């Protein structure tokens, strides 16, 4: 999808996701971004009582750090432990994926361009396994990909 022209009428350069295996830009229909369970490597999920307990402990620490309901200081926020990841974000060319038959949650890169990324952030946020850590990783990966012009290494 072309982006709006830059100042002076020149078309803006298209941004791209980069492959974790080869480091090259991933062209439309040539690859995907996938989310996998960091432990099993399969489809991400909320694994049960033990994992729920970890997150409940995290949110109790958050609640305890609030000075006013809904307000937390920057210092208290920085002191909170990072919640454990529930899904790992990866991007691959179809030909580069070391585990092409793995059961994962994936989206073709052609669906993750421009403002469509915002729609996907909202959609993914509805998943039980997609939390703050996953959102940050996804957005950072997208920003990193913005530096890779289509066809660039």
Protein backbone atom coordinates (compact mmCIF):
# COMPACT_ATOMS: atom_id res chain seq x y z
CA UNK A 1 0.00 0.00 0.00
CA UNK A 2 1.62 3.31 -1.01
CA UNK A 3 2.00 6.00 1.62
CA UNK A 4 1.05 9.65 1.08
CA UNK A 5 3.55 11.76 -0.88
CA UNK A 6 6.25 13.58 1.03
CA UNK A 7 6.70 17.34 0.79
CA UNK A 8 7.45 18.31 -2.80
CA UNK A 9 5.22 15.57 -4.24
CA UNK A 10 7.77 12.73 -4.06
CA UNK A 11 6.15 9.46 -2.96
CA UNK A 12 7.04 8.34 0.54
CA UNK A 13 9.10 5.17 0.88
CA UNK A 14 7.26 2.05 1.97
CA UNK A 15 8.27 0.53 5.27
CA UNK A 16 8.83 -3.13 5.86
CA UNK A 17 9.15 -5.82 8.49
CA UNK A 18 12.57 -7.50 8.74
CA UNK A 19 13.13 -11.25 8.87
CA UNK A 20 14.56 -12.59 12.15
CA UNK A 21 16.53 -15.23 10.22
CA UNK A 22 18.14 -13.30 7.35
CA UNK A 23 17.65 -9.64 8.36
CA UNK A 24 16.15 -8.65 4.99
CA UNK A 25 12.91 -6.77 4.40
CA UNK A 26 9.84 -9.01 4.01
CA UNK A 27 7.78 -8.23 0.92
CA UNK A 28 3.99 -8.66 0.85
CA UNK A 29 2.86 -12.30 0.72
CA UNK A 30 6.47 -13.42 1.30
CA UNK A 31 6.29 -13.73 5.08
CA UNK A 32 4.52 -13.07 8.34
CA UNK A 33 4.74 -11.86 11.90
CA UNK A 34 3.96 -14.61 14.35
CA UNK A 35 3.31 -14.86 18.06
CA UNK A 36 4.50 -18.01 19.81
CA UNK A 37 4.51 -19.25 23.39
CA UNK A 38 8.00 -18.40 24.76
CA UNK A 39 8.23 -21.79 26.51
CA UNK A 40 6.63 -24.30 24.15
CA UNK A 41 7.15 -22.46 20.85
CA UNK A 42 3.53 -23.22 19.94
CA UNK A 43 0.37 -21.15 19.84
CA UNK A 44 0.40 -18.60 22.70
CA UNK A 45 -2.04 -19.19 25.51
CA UNK A 46 -2.62 -18.50 29.15
CA UNK A 47 -1.26 -21.70 30.65
CA UNK A 48 -3.34 -21.89 33.78
CA UNK A 49 -3.29 -21.36 37.52
CA UNK A 50 0.49 -20.95 37.95
CA UNK A 51 0.69 -18.28 35.27
CA UNK A 52 -2.43 -16.54 36.55
CA UNK A 53 -0.84 -16.41 40.00
CA UNK A 54 2.26 -14.68 38.56
CA UNK A 55 0.10 -12.04 36.91
CA UNK A 56 -2.12 -11.59 39.96
CA UNK A 57 1.04 -10.97 42.02
CA UNK A 58 2.18 -8.41 39.44
CA UNK A 59 -1.15 -6.55 39.47
CA UNK A 60 -1.26 -6.59 43.28
CA UNK A 61 2.17 -4.87 43.25
CA UNK A 62 0.76 -2.33 40.76
CA UNK A 63 -2.28 -1.68 42.97
CA UNK A 64 -0.06 -1.30 46.05
CA UNK A 65 2.09 1.27 44.21
CA UNK A 66 -0.92 3.49 43.38
CA UNK A 67 -0.97 6.65 45.52
CA UNK A 68 -4.42 7.60 44.27
CA UNK A 69 -6.73 5.07 42.56
CA UNK A 70 -5.64 4.87 38.94
CA UNK A 71 -2.50 6.99 39.51
CA UNK A 72 1.02 5.61 39.90
CA UNK A 73 4.21 7.64 40.14
CA UNK A 74 6.94 7.26 37.53
CA UNK A 75 9.33 6.06 40.23
CA UNK A 76 6.87 3.39 41.40
CA UNK A 77 6.22 2.35 37.80
CA UNK A 78 9.93 1.92 37.14
CA UNK A 79 10.28 -0.15 40.32
CA UNK A 80 7.64 -2.67 39.23
CA UNK A 81 8.96 -5.92 37.84
CA UNK A 82 8.38 -6.46 34.12
CA UNK A 83 5.48 -8.88 33.70
CA UNK A 84 6.59 -12.20 32.23
CA UNK A 85 6.02 -12.45 28.46
CA UNK A 86 3.08 -14.54 27.32
CA UNK A 87 4.01 -14.50 23.64
CA UNK A 88 7.17 -13.93 21.64
CA UNK A 89 6.97 -11.73 18.52
CA UNK A 90 8.84 -13.07 15.48
CA UNK A 91 8.97 -12.09 11.80
CA UNK A 92 10.05 -14.47 9.03
CA UNK A 93 10.08 -14.92 5.29
CA UNK A 94 8.14 -18.12 4.62
CA UNK A 95 11.35 -19.65 3.26
CA UNK A 96 13.40 -18.64 6.34
CA UNK A 97 11.12 -19.82 9.15
CA UNK A 98 13.07 -22.53 11.01
CA UNK A 99 9.78 -24.11 12.19
CA UNK A 100 7.28 -23.61 9.35
CA UNK A 101 4.89 -26.28 10.62
CA UNK A 102 4.69 -24.90 14.16
CA UNK A 103 1.26 -24.02 15.54
CA UNK A 104 1.43 -20.24 16.07
CA UNK A 105 -0.74 -17.16 15.76
CA UNK A 106 0.46 -15.40 12.61
CA UNK A 107 -0.47 -12.47 10.39
CA UNK A 108 0.84 -11.81 6.86
CA UNK A 109 3.06 -8.72 6.71
CA UNK A 110 0.85 -7.25 3.98
CA UNK A 111 -1.85 -6.86 6.66
CA UNK A 112 0.55 -5.04 9.00
CA UNK A 113 1.39 -1.88 7.09
CA UNK A 114 0.71 1.77 7.93
CA UNK A 115 -2.36 2.51 10.02
CA UNK A 116 -3.53 -1.13 9.76
CA UNK A 117 -1.03 -1.80 12.55
CA UNK A 118 -3.24 0.20 14.92
CA UNK A 119 -6.23 -2.00 14.08
CA UNK A 120 -4.09 -5.07 14.74
CA UNK A 121 -2.90 -3.68 18.09
CA UNK A 122 -6.55 -3.30 19.12
CA UNK A 123 -7.42 -6.79 17.83
CA UNK A 124 -4.45 -8.41 19.55
CA UNK A 125 -5.21 -6.60 22.82
CA UNK A 126 -8.44 -8.62 22.97
CA UNK A 127 -6.44 -11.86 23.18
CA UNK A 128 -5.96 -13.25 26.69
CA UNK A 129 -2.28 -13.92 25.97
CA UNK A 130 -1.53 -10.45 24.56
CA UNK A 131 -0.48 -8.09 27.37
CA UNK A 132 1.64 -5.02 27.93
CA UNK A 133 4.95 -6.80 27.28
CA UNK A 134 3.64 -8.23 24.00
CA UNK A 135 2.25 -4.88 22.87
CA UNK A 136 5.58 -3.18 23.55
CA UNK A 137 7.49 -5.91 21.70
CA UNK A 138 5.10 -5.72 18.73
CA UNK A 139 5.31 -1.92 18.46
CA UNK A 140 9.11 -1.96 18.86
CA UNK A 141 9.41 -4.58 16.11
CA UNK A 142 7.24 -2.43 13.86
CA UNK A 143 9.35 0.66 14.60
CA UNK A 144 12.51 -1.35 13.89
CA UNK A 145 10.98 -2.46 10.59
CA UNK A 146 10.24 1.15 9.71
CA UNK A 147 13.96 1.64 9.33
CA UNK A 148 14.14 -1.10 6.68
CA UNK A 149 13.10 0.22 3.30
CA UNK A 150 11.48 -2.34 1.01
CA UNK A 151 14.25 -4.28 -0.69
CA UNK A 152 16.91 -2.96 1.68
CA UNK A 153 19.06 -5.22 3.80
